[in-house]
C-alpha atoms as a PDB file:
ATOM      1  CA  UNK A   1     -23.056 -17.495  40.429  1.00  0.00           C
ATOM      2  CA  UNK A   2     -26.227 -15.581  41.239  1.00  0.00           C
ATOM      3  CA  UNK A   3     -25.924 -12.476  43.389  1.00  0.00           C
ATOM      4  CA  UNK A   4     -28.078 -13.165  46.482  1.00  0.00           C
ATOM      5  CA  UNK A   5     -30.152 -10.733  48.486  1.00  0.00           C
ATOM      6  CA  UNK A   6     -28.367  -8.829  51.237  1.00  0.00           C
ATOM      7  CA  UNK A   7     -27.114 -10.978  54.117  1.00  0.00           C
ATOM      8  CA  UNK A   8     -24.770 -10.461  57.066  1.00  0.00           C
ATOM      9  CA  UNK A   9     -21.868 -11.479  54.817  1.00  0.00           C
ATOM     10  CA  UNK A  10     -22.807  -9.068  52.010  1.00  0.00           C
ATOM     11  CA  UNK A  11     -20.405  -6.438  50.712  1.00  0.00           C
ATOM     12  CA  UNK A  12     -21.370  -3.179  49.042  1.00  0.00           C
ATOM     13  CA  UNK A  13     -20.612  -2.762  45.331  1.00  0.00           C
ATOM     14  CA  UNK A  14     -20.582   0.603  43.582  1.00  0.00           C
ATOM     15  CA  UNK A  15     -22.140   0.898  40.135  1.00  0.00           C
ATOM     16  CA  UNK A  16     -19.902   1.784  37.205  1.00  0.00           C
ATOM     17  CA  UNK A  17     -22.929   3.096  35.338  1.00  0.00           C
ATOM     18  CA  UNK A  18     -24.559   2.164  32.038  1.00  0.00           C
ATOM     19  CA  UNK A  19     -22.394   1.194  29.042  1.00  0.00           C
ATOM     20  CA  UNK A  20     -22.225   3.659  26.170  1.00  0.00           C
ATOM     21  CA  UNK A  21     -24.606   2.974  23.317  1.00  0.00           C
ATOM     22  CA  UNK A  22     -21.767   2.252  20.884  1.00  0.00           C
ATOM     23  CA  UNK A  23     -20.532  -0.645  23.003  1.00  0.00           C
ATOM     24  CA  UNK A  24     -21.939  -4.038  23.840  1.00  0.00           C
ATOM     25  CA  UNK A  25     -21.227  -5.307  27.332  1.00  0.00           C
ATOM     26  CA  UNK A  26     -21.950  -8.863  28.427  1.00  0.00           C
ATOM     27  CA  UNK A  27     -21.310 -11.084  31.427  1.00  0.00           C
ATOM     28  CA  UNK A  28     -20.135 -14.587  30.527  1.00  0.00           C
ATOM     29  CA  UNK A  29     -19.145 -17.824  32.178  1.00  0.00           C
ATOM     30  CA  UNK A  30     -15.775 -19.529  31.766  1.00  0.00           C
ATOM     31  CA  UNK A  31     -16.876 -21.163  28.502  1.00  0.00           C
ATOM     32  CA  UNK A  32     -18.111 -17.911  26.947  1.00  0.00           C
ATOM     33  CA  UNK A  33     -21.847 -18.371  27.453  1.00  0.00           C
ATOM     34  CA  UNK A  34     -23.729 -15.165  28.228  1.00  0.00           C
ATOM     35  CA  UNK A  35     -25.224 -14.931  31.701  1.00  0.00           C
ATOM     36  CA  UNK A  36     -28.481 -13.182  32.649  1.00  0.00           C
ATOM     37  CA  UNK A  37     -28.656 -10.066  34.793  1.00  0.00           C
ATOM     38  CA  UNK A  38     -27.774 -10.676  38.427  1.00  0.00           C
ATOM     39  CA  UNK A  39     -25.186 -13.375  37.765  1.00  0.00           C
ATOM     40  CA  UNK A  40     -21.465 -12.866  38.387  1.00  0.00           C
ATOM     41  CA  UNK A  41     -19.100 -13.714  35.548  1.00  0.00           C
ATOM     42  CA  UNK A  42     -16.373 -12.434  33.255  1.00  0.00           C
ATOM     43  CA  UNK A  43     -16.950  -9.001  31.758  1.00  0.00           C
ATOM     44  CA  UNK A  44     -16.755  -8.949  27.951  1.00  0.00           C
ATOM     45  CA  UNK A  45     -16.775  -5.726  25.965  1.00  0.00           C
ATOM     46  CA  UNK A  46     -17.258  -5.149  22.243  1.00  0.00           C
ATOM     47  CA  UNK A  47     -17.083  -1.862  20.360  1.00  0.00           C
ATOM     48  CA  UNK A  48     -15.329   0.124  17.643  1.00  0.00           C
ATOM     49  CA  UNK A  49     -12.533   1.547  19.793  1.00  0.00           C
ATOM     50  CA  UNK A  50     -11.481  -1.510  21.796  1.00  0.00           C
ATOM     51  CA  UNK A  51      -7.641  -1.483  21.776  1.00  0.00           C
ATOM     52  CA  UNK A  52      -7.691   0.360  18.450  1.00  0.00           C
ATOM     53  CA  UNK A  53      -5.086   2.966  19.416  1.00  0.00           C
ATOM     54  CA  UNK A  54      -2.224   0.610  20.251  1.00  0.00           C
ATOM     55  CA  UNK A  55      -2.616  -2.667  18.338  1.00  0.00           C
ATOM     56  CA  UNK A  56      -3.266  -3.556  14.724  1.00  0.00           C
ATOM     57  CA  UNK A  57      -6.559  -5.032  13.480  1.00  0.00           C
ATOM     58  CA  UNK A  58      -4.869  -8.420  13.146  1.00  0.00           C
ATOM     59  CA  UNK A  59      -3.623  -8.283  16.732  1.00  0.00           C
ATOM     60  CA  UNK A  60      -7.069  -7.218  17.883  1.00  0.00           C
ATOM     61  CA  UNK A  61      -8.650 -10.234  16.208  1.00  0.00           C
ATOM     62  CA  UNK A  62      -6.106 -12.449  17.958  1.00  0.00           C
ATOM     63  CA  UNK A  63      -7.137 -11.305  21.462  1.00  0.00           C
ATOM     64  CA  UNK A  64     -10.885 -11.086  20.848  1.00  0.00           C
ATOM     65  CA  UNK A  65     -13.515 -13.800  20.792  1.00  0.00           C
ATOM     66  CA  UNK A  66     -15.035 -14.950  17.506  1.00  0.00           C
ATOM     67  CA  UNK A  67     -17.920 -12.509  17.986  1.00  0.00           C
ATOM     68  CA  UNK A  68     -15.478  -9.609  18.404  1.00  0.00           C
ATOM     69  CA  UNK A  69     -15.879  -9.246  22.149  1.00  0.00           C
ATOM     70  CA  UNK A  70     -12.872  -8.690  24.404  1.00  0.00           C
ATOM     71  CA  UNK A  71     -12.502 -10.535  27.706  1.00  0.00           C
ATOM     72  CA  UNK A  72     -11.412  -7.834  30.152  1.00  0.00           C
ATOM     73  CA  UNK A  73     -10.518 -10.444  32.804  1.00  0.00           C
ATOM     74  CA  UNK A  74     -12.554  -8.362  35.240  1.00  0.00           C
ATOM     75  CA  UNK A  75     -15.386 -10.083  37.081  1.00  0.00           C
ATOM     76  CA  UNK A  76     -18.743  -8.474  37.783  1.00  0.00           C
ATOM     77  CA  UNK A  77     -22.462  -8.482  37.149  1.00  0.00           C
ATOM     78  CA  UNK A  78     -25.211  -6.375  35.623  1.00  0.00           C
ATOM     79  CA  UNK A  79     -28.144  -5.065  37.651  1.00  0.00           C
ATOM     80  CA  UNK A  80     -30.881  -2.843  36.256  1.00  0.00           C
ATOM     81  CA  UNK A  81     -28.704  -2.207  33.214  1.00  0.00           C
ATOM     82  CA  UNK A  82     -25.700  -1.024  35.220  1.00  0.00           C
ATOM     83  CA  UNK A  83     -22.310  -2.670  35.609  1.00  0.00           C
ATOM     84  CA  UNK A  84     -20.851  -3.685  38.972  1.00  0.00           C
ATOM     85  CA  UNK A  85     -17.233  -4.869  39.134  1.00  0.00           C
ATOM     86  CA  UNK A  86     -16.396  -7.283  41.938  1.00  0.00           C
ATOM     87  CA  UNK A  87     -12.756  -8.100  41.191  1.00  0.00           C
ATOM     88  CA  UNK A  88     -10.167  -9.521  38.833  1.00  0.00           C
ATOM     89  CA  UNK A  89     -10.158 -13.096  37.615  1.00  0.00           C
ATOM     90  CA  UNK A  90      -6.568 -13.640  38.743  1.00  0.00           C
ATOM     91  CA  UNK A  91      -7.486 -12.448  42.258  1.00  0.00           C
ATOM     92  CA  UNK A  92     -10.365 -14.885  42.641  1.00  0.00           C
ATOM     93  CA  UNK A  93      -9.888 -18.213  44.354  1.00  0.00           C
ATOM     94  CA  UNK A  94     -12.288 -20.961  45.368  1.00  0.00           C
ATOM     95  CA  UNK A  95     -12.780 -21.426  49.102  1.00  0.00           C
ATOM     96  CA  UNK A  96     -15.208 -24.014  50.454  1.00  0.00           C
ATOM     97  CA  UNK A  97     -16.654 -24.413  46.978  1.00  0.00           C
ATOM     98  CA  UNK A  98     -17.445 -20.708  46.518  1.00  0.00           C
ATOM     99  CA  UNK A  99     -15.775 -17.875  44.607  1.00  0.00           C
ATOM    100  CA  UNK A 100     -13.737 -15.676  46.911  1.00  0.00           C
ATOM    101  CA  UNK A 101     -12.036 -12.349  46.169  1.00  0.00           C
ATOM    102  CA  UNK A 102      -8.907 -11.394  48.074  1.00  0.00           C
ATOM    103  CA  UNK A 103      -9.787  -7.692  48.018  1.00  0.00           C
ATOM    104  CA  UNK A 104     -13.022  -8.488  49.865  1.00  0.00           C
ATOM    105  CA  UNK A 105     -10.969  -9.989  52.664  1.00  0.00           C
ATOM    106  CA  UNK A 106      -8.687  -6.931  52.754  1.00  0.00           C
ATOM    107  CA  UNK A 107     -11.629  -4.533  52.895  1.00  0.00           C
ATOM    108  CA  UNK A 108     -13.337  -6.509  55.633  1.00  0.00           C
ATOM    109  CA  UNK A 109     -10.254  -6.837  57.825  1.00  0.00           C
ATOM    110  CA  UNK A 110      -9.395  -3.130  57.652  1.00  0.00           C
ATOM    111  CA  UNK A 111     -12.977  -2.274  58.591  1.00  0.00           C
ATOM    112  CA  UNK A 112     -12.405  -3.891  62.006  1.00  0.00           C
ATOM    113  CA  UNK A 113     -11.570  -1.199  64.547  1.00  0.00           C
ATOM    114  CA  UNK A 114      -8.499  -3.000  65.930  1.00  0.00           C
ATOM    115  CA  UNK A 115      -7.063  -3.427  62.417  1.00  0.00           C
ATOM    116  CA  UNK A 116      -8.115  -0.115  60.901  1.00  0.00           C
ATOM    117  CA  UNK A 117      -4.613   1.382  60.958  1.00  0.00           C
ATOM    118  CA  UNK A 118      -2.952  -1.610  59.333  1.00  0.00           C
ATOM    119  CA  UNK A 119      -1.694  -1.735  55.767  1.00  0.00           C
ATOM    120  CA  UNK A 120      -2.312  -5.302  54.637  1.00  0.00           C
ATOM    121  CA  UNK A 121      -2.716  -7.422  51.535  1.00  0.00           C
ATOM    122  CA  UNK A 122      -4.084 -10.930  51.110  1.00  0.00           C
ATOM    123  CA  UNK A 123      -2.272 -13.166  48.637  1.00  0.00           C
ATOM    124  CA  UNK A 124      -2.699 -16.797  47.724  1.00  0.00           C
ATOM    125  CA  UNK A 125      -0.336 -19.583  46.782  1.00  0.00           C
ATOM    126  CA  UNK A 126      -0.870 -23.149  45.679  1.00  0.00           C
ATOM    127  CA  UNK A 127       0.302 -25.982  47.892  1.00  0.00           C
ATOM    128  CA  UNK A 128      -0.602 -29.632  47.346  1.00  0.00           C
ATOM    129  CA  UNK A 129      -3.021 -28.531  44.582  1.00  0.00           C
ATOM    130  CA  UNK A 130      -4.973 -26.321  46.976  1.00  0.00           C
ATOM    131  CA  UNK A 131      -5.204 -22.547  47.320  1.00  0.00           C
ATOM    132  CA  UNK A 132      -3.885 -21.142  50.574  1.00  0.00           C
ATOM    133  CA  UNK A 133      -4.255 -17.580  51.811  1.00  0.00           C
ATOM    134  CA  UNK A 134      -1.532 -15.532  53.477  1.00  0.00           C
ATOM    135  CA  UNK A 135      -2.257 -12.094  54.923  1.00  0.00           C
ATOM    136  CA  UNK A 136       0.736  -9.772  54.598  1.00  0.00           C
ATOM    137  CA  UNK A 137       0.875  -6.947  57.133  1.00  0.00           C
ATOM    138  CA  UNK A 138       3.204  -3.981  56.727  1.00  0.00           C
ATOM    139  CA  UNK A 139       5.325  -4.027  59.873  1.00  0.00           C
ATOM    140  CA  UNK A 140       5.970  -1.076  62.185  1.00  0.00           C
ATOM    141  CA  UNK A 141       8.027  -0.796  65.352  1.00  0.00           C
ATOM    142  CA  UNK A 142       4.931   0.182  67.290  1.00  0.00           C
ATOM    143  CA  UNK A 143       3.345  -3.201  66.437  1.00  0.00           C
ATOM    144  CA  UNK A 144       5.864  -5.262  68.382  1.00  0.00           C
ATOM    145  CA  UNK A 145       3.631  -5.801  71.417  1.00  0.00           C
ATOM    146  CA  UNK A 146       0.443  -6.232  69.374  1.00  0.00           C
ATOM    147  CA  UNK A 147       1.375  -8.763  66.705  1.00  0.00           C
ATOM    148  CA  UNK A 148      -0.145 -11.759  68.469  1.00  0.00           C
ATOM    149  CA  UNK A 149      -3.388  -9.832  68.974  1.00  0.00           C
ATOM    150  CA  UNK A 150      -3.468  -8.824  65.296  1.00  0.00           C
ATOM    151  CA  UNK A 151      -2.896 -12.419  64.232  1.00  0.00           C
ATOM    152  CA  UNK A 152      -5.651 -13.730  66.492  1.00  0.00           C
ATOM    153  CA  UNK A 153      -8.166 -11.201  65.159  1.00  0.00           C
ATOM    154  CA  UNK A 154      -7.270 -11.880  61.523  1.00  0.00           C
ATOM    155  CA  UNK A 155      -7.517 -15.660  61.899  1.00  0.00           C
ATOM    156  CA  UNK A 156     -10.793 -15.604  63.807  1.00  0.00           C
ATOM    157  CA  UNK A 157     -12.586 -12.853  61.869  1.00  0.00           C
ATOM    158  CA  UNK A 158     -11.675 -14.259  58.447  1.00  0.00           C
ATOM    159  CA  UNK A 159     -13.029 -17.633  59.522  1.00  0.00           C
ATOM    160  CA  UNK A 160     -16.205 -16.125  60.961  1.00  0.00           C
ATOM    161  CA  UNK A 161     -17.022 -13.821  58.047  1.00  0.00           C
ATOM    162  CA  UNK A 162     -15.873 -15.837  55.032  1.00  0.00           C
ATOM    163  CA  UNK A 163     -15.537 -19.392  56.395  1.00  0.00           C
ATOM    164  CA  UNK A 164     -11.944 -19.530  55.124  1.00  0.00           C
ATOM    165  CA  UNK A 165      -8.775 -20.581  56.872  1.00  0.00           C
ATOM    166  CA  UNK A 166      -5.834 -18.188  56.803  1.00  0.00           C
ATOM    167  CA  UNK A 167      -2.658 -20.223  56.430  1.00  0.00           C
ATOM    168  CA  UNK A 168      -0.385 -17.556  57.826  1.00  0.00           C
ATOM    169  CA  UNK A 169      -0.165 -13.909  58.886  1.00  0.00           C
ATOM    170  CA  UNK A 170       3.203 -12.558  57.782  1.00  0.00           C
ATOM    171  CA  UNK A 171       4.658  -9.217  58.861  1.00  0.00           C
ATOM    172  CA  UNK A 172       6.720  -7.693  56.046  1.00  0.00           C
ATOM    173  CA  UNK A 173       8.792  -4.498  55.575  1.00  0.00           C
ATOM    174  CA  UNK A 174       6.555  -3.066  52.855  1.00  0.00           C
ATOM    175  CA  UNK A 175       3.394  -3.824  50.888  1.00  0.00           C
ATOM    176  CA  UNK A 176       4.220  -3.203  47.235  1.00  0.00           C
ATOM    177  CA  UNK A 177       1.779  -0.925  45.409  1.00  0.00           C
ATOM    178  CA  UNK A 178       1.491   0.740  42.022  1.00  0.00           C
ATOM    179  CA  UNK A 179       1.908   4.494  41.551  1.00  0.00           C
ATOM    180  CA  UNK A 180      -1.868   4.835  41.928  1.00  0.00           C
ATOM    181  CA  UNK A 181      -1.927   2.912  45.206  1.00  0.00           C
ATOM    182  CA  UNK A 182      -3.221  -0.418  43.900  1.00  0.00           C
ATOM    183  CA  UNK A 183      -1.852  -3.470  45.684  1.00  0.00           C
ATOM    184  CA  UNK A 184       0.526  -5.530  43.529  1.00  0.00           C
ATOM    185  CA  UNK A 185      -0.604  -8.932  44.759  1.00  0.00           C
ATOM    186  CA  UNK A 186       1.507 -11.112  42.504  1.00  0.00           C
ATOM    187  CA  UNK A 187       4.637  -9.028  43.115  1.00  0.00           C
ATOM    188  CA  UNK A 188       4.109  -9.198  46.872  1.00  0.00           C
ATOM    189  CA  UNK A 189       3.505 -12.933  46.655  1.00  0.00           C
ATOM    190  CA  UNK A 190       6.656 -13.476  44.582  1.00  0.00           C
ATOM    191  CA  UNK A 191       8.773 -11.277  46.857  1.00  0.00           C
ATOM    192  CA  UNK A 192       7.743 -12.575  50.264  1.00  0.00           C
ATOM    193  CA  UNK A 193       6.455 -16.108  49.765  1.00  0.00           C
ATOM    194  CA  UNK A 194       9.388 -17.076  47.555  1.00  0.00           C
ATOM    195  CA  UNK A 195      11.548 -16.509  50.650  1.00  0.00           C
ATOM    196  CA  UNK A 196       9.716 -19.219  52.535  1.00  0.00           C
ATOM    197  CA  UNK A 197       6.923 -17.112  53.949  1.00  0.00           C
ATOM    198  CA  UNK A 198       4.358 -19.333  52.300  1.00  0.00           C
ATOM    199  CA  UNK A 199       5.554 -22.496  53.942  1.00  0.00           C
ATOM    200  CA  UNK A 200       2.874 -24.280  55.918  1.00  0.00           C
ATOM    201  CA  UNK A 201       5.366 -24.985  58.702  1.00  0.00           C
END
């Protein structure tokens, strides 16, 4: 997918800088073909120290491509020789025929003034062979009179900005995160949607 010029739906990406000279970095499609600059794809990295400190050479060969490159499972693009990371492969879904990152939805929703103080996480589940999005919101007692307003804003703004339908807004006791504050999407999905939260009814 080519990265278009800035539009009203554009999101800002921060450069990760230029790769070190000892490493080869490439952006590839799902079949391993290298993509030109400006196209979003899977980030592959090759170099002398890839995983060398914790796996054997044989194990390294097992997880690398035939050309020695390692699929990081991160998704991004190159621009003017610099790397931009847009998300993780497992956090990308297809909505209306286009790639869609759950973290982009989170960032957009919490940029809305009425939702700025919310702790939320978007997760997806598969139902009838289709991806569905649930927005988990960390519940607080002070939200009791505002939940319907929050739901209305989330449904309408997600549809307006990303042209996606939110299946459900679910208020939960806690959004699970790692020690560094990163949202544990799969763990949250397993914990809350396994209890019936992901039902379409």
